[in-house]
Protein backbone atom coordinates (compact mmCIF):
# COMPACT_ATOMS: atom_id res chain seq x y z
CA ILE A 1 0.00 0.01 0.03
CA VAL A 2 1.37 3.41 -0.92
CA PHE A 3 0.00 6.57 0.78
CA LYS A 4 1.65 10.02 0.33
CA ARG A 5 4.97 8.41 -0.59
CA VAL A 6 4.96 6.07 2.30
CA GLN A 7 5.06 2.50 1.32
CA GLN A 8 3.94 -0.40 3.67
CA ARG A 9 3.94 -4.04 2.77
CA PHE A 10 1.35 -6.51 4.13
CA PRO A 11 0.80 -10.07 3.35
CA LYS A 12 -2.36 -10.75 1.32
CA SER A 13 -3.79 -12.75 4.13
CA ARG A 14 -4.02 -9.54 6.27
CA LEU A 15 -5.92 -7.52 3.66
CA THR A 16 -9.64 -7.84 3.28
CA PRO A 17 -11.77 -6.08 0.80
CA GLU A 18 -14.34 -3.45 2.15
CA LYS A 19 -17.93 -4.65 1.99
CA GLU A 20 -20.16 -2.49 -0.19
CA VAL A 21 -22.85 -0.79 1.84
CA ILE A 22 -26.08 -0.04 0.02
CA SER A 23 -28.53 2.37 1.58
CA ASP A 24 -32.02 3.47 0.88
CA LYS A 25 -31.16 7.00 2.15
CA PRO A 26 -30.34 9.70 -0.47
CA MET A 27 -26.63 10.55 -0.55
CA ASP A 28 -25.66 13.81 1.15
CA LYS A 29 -22.39 14.99 -0.32
CA GLY A 30 -22.51 18.27 1.53
CA PHE A 31 -23.92 20.00 -1.59
CA THR A 32 -26.22 23.00 -0.93
CA PRO A 33 -28.01 24.47 -4.05
CA SER A 34 -26.83 28.13 -4.51
CA ALA A 35 -28.26 28.85 -8.00
CA ARG A 36 -31.31 30.92 -8.33
CA TYR A 37 -33.98 30.48 -10.90
CA GLU A 38 -32.64 33.44 -12.85
CA ILE A 39 -29.54 35.52 -13.40
CA ASN A 40 -29.67 39.40 -14.01
CA LEU A 41 -26.87 40.42 -16.35
CA ILE A 42 -28.13 43.96 -17.04
CA GLY A 43 -25.30 46.48 -17.17
CA LYS A 44 -22.46 43.85 -17.65
CA LYS A 45 -19.99 44.03 -20.30
CA VAL A 46 -19.99 40.95 -22.76
CA GLU A 47 -16.51 39.94 -21.67
CA GLU A 48 -17.48 39.79 -17.87
CA MET A 49 -20.93 38.38 -18.61
CA GLU A 50 -19.50 35.25 -20.32
CA SER A 51 -17.66 33.78 -17.27
CA GLU A 52 -20.35 34.75 -14.95
CA LEU A 53 -23.07 33.03 -17.24
CA VAL A 54 -21.07 29.88 -17.64
CA LYS A 55 -20.56 29.53 -13.84
CA TYR A 56 -24.24 30.08 -13.30
CA LEU A 57 -25.35 27.52 -15.97
CA ASP A 58 -23.09 24.91 -14.32
CA GLU A 59 -24.57 25.58 -10.78
CA ALA A 60 -28.09 25.72 -12.06
CA ALA A 61 -27.83 22.50 -13.83
CA LEU A 62 -26.40 20.84 -10.68
CA THR A 63 -29.22 22.24 -8.61
CA GLY A 64 -31.71 20.38 -10.83
CA TYR A 65 -33.57 23.11 -12.46
CA ASP A 66 -35.19 22.10 -15.70
CA GLU A 67 -35.45 25.73 -16.85
CA ILE A 68 -33.95 29.07 -15.93
CA ARG A 69 -34.12 32.71 -17.08
CA VAL A 70 -31.35 35.00 -18.12
CA ILE A 71 -32.15 38.64 -17.90
CA HIS A 72 -30.14 40.70 -20.28
CA GLY A 73 -32.21 43.67 -20.99
CA PHE A 74 -32.90 45.32 -24.40
CA GLY A 75 -30.15 47.91 -24.94
CA THR A 76 -28.12 47.56 -28.17
CA GLY A 77 -28.57 43.74 -28.30
CA ALA A 78 -24.86 43.01 -27.89
CA LEU A 79 -25.43 41.39 -24.41
CA ARG A 80 -28.41 39.31 -25.83
CA GLU A 81 -26.33 38.04 -28.68
CA GLY A 82 -23.38 37.29 -26.19
CA VAL A 83 -25.78 35.33 -23.99
CA ARG A 84 -27.11 33.36 -26.85
CA ARG A 85 -23.60 32.59 -28.17
CA VAL A 86 -22.67 31.20 -24.78
CA LEU A 87 -25.86 29.21 -24.60
CA SER A 88 -25.30 27.71 -28.10
CA ASN A 89 -22.04 26.37 -27.01
CA HIS A 90 -22.63 25.17 -23.46
CA PRO A 91 -22.93 21.38 -22.95
CA VAL A 92 -25.86 21.33 -20.44
CA VAL A 93 -28.24 23.60 -22.55
CA LYS A 94 -30.86 21.71 -24.47
CA SER A 95 -32.65 24.86 -25.96
CA PHE A 96 -33.40 28.49 -25.40
CA ARG A 97 -35.91 30.99 -26.46
CA PRO A 98 -36.85 34.65 -26.05
CA GLY A 99 -38.97 35.29 -22.98
CA GLU A 100 -42.66 35.57 -23.45
CA GLU A 101 -44.92 38.18 -21.93
CA GLY A 102 -44.52 37.89 -18.15
CA GLU A 103 -41.04 36.31 -18.53
CA GLY A 104 -39.24 39.49 -19.54
CA GLY A 105 -40.00 39.49 -23.31
CA GLY A 106 -37.12 40.31 -25.52
CA GLY A 107 -35.17 41.45 -22.46
CA ALA A 108 -34.80 37.89 -21.25
CA THR A 109 -33.91 34.34 -22.53
CA VAL A 110 -35.34 31.24 -21.22
CA VAL A 111 -33.05 28.21 -21.10
CA ARG A 112 -33.92 24.48 -20.82
CA PHE A 113 -31.32 21.92 -19.58
CA LYS A 114 -30.59 18.48 -20.85
CA ARG A 115 -31.53 15.73 -18.55
């Protein structure tokens, strides 16, 4: 057995495999969902938005959301296009669409995750 550069020899007769424990209880890995249902990117520059959005998408997918909303506002459209470019290339994104009335309209993009 080697552990942190320390080597110890044991005869095979002294080694026993661990028994697999199967439990009905859900696993608790200490994960606490931190992602919200939506992220507001209004006022961000495209360059800073990209890393923030990628991090948010990863967290939201792990949280188990089926759908989230990205608020980018109307403005010149540069932020909206940047958001959609990130979404097009992100592996957890199944689809996205402009927000409908009550979802932020054209100032938001609704994202669905792969499951």
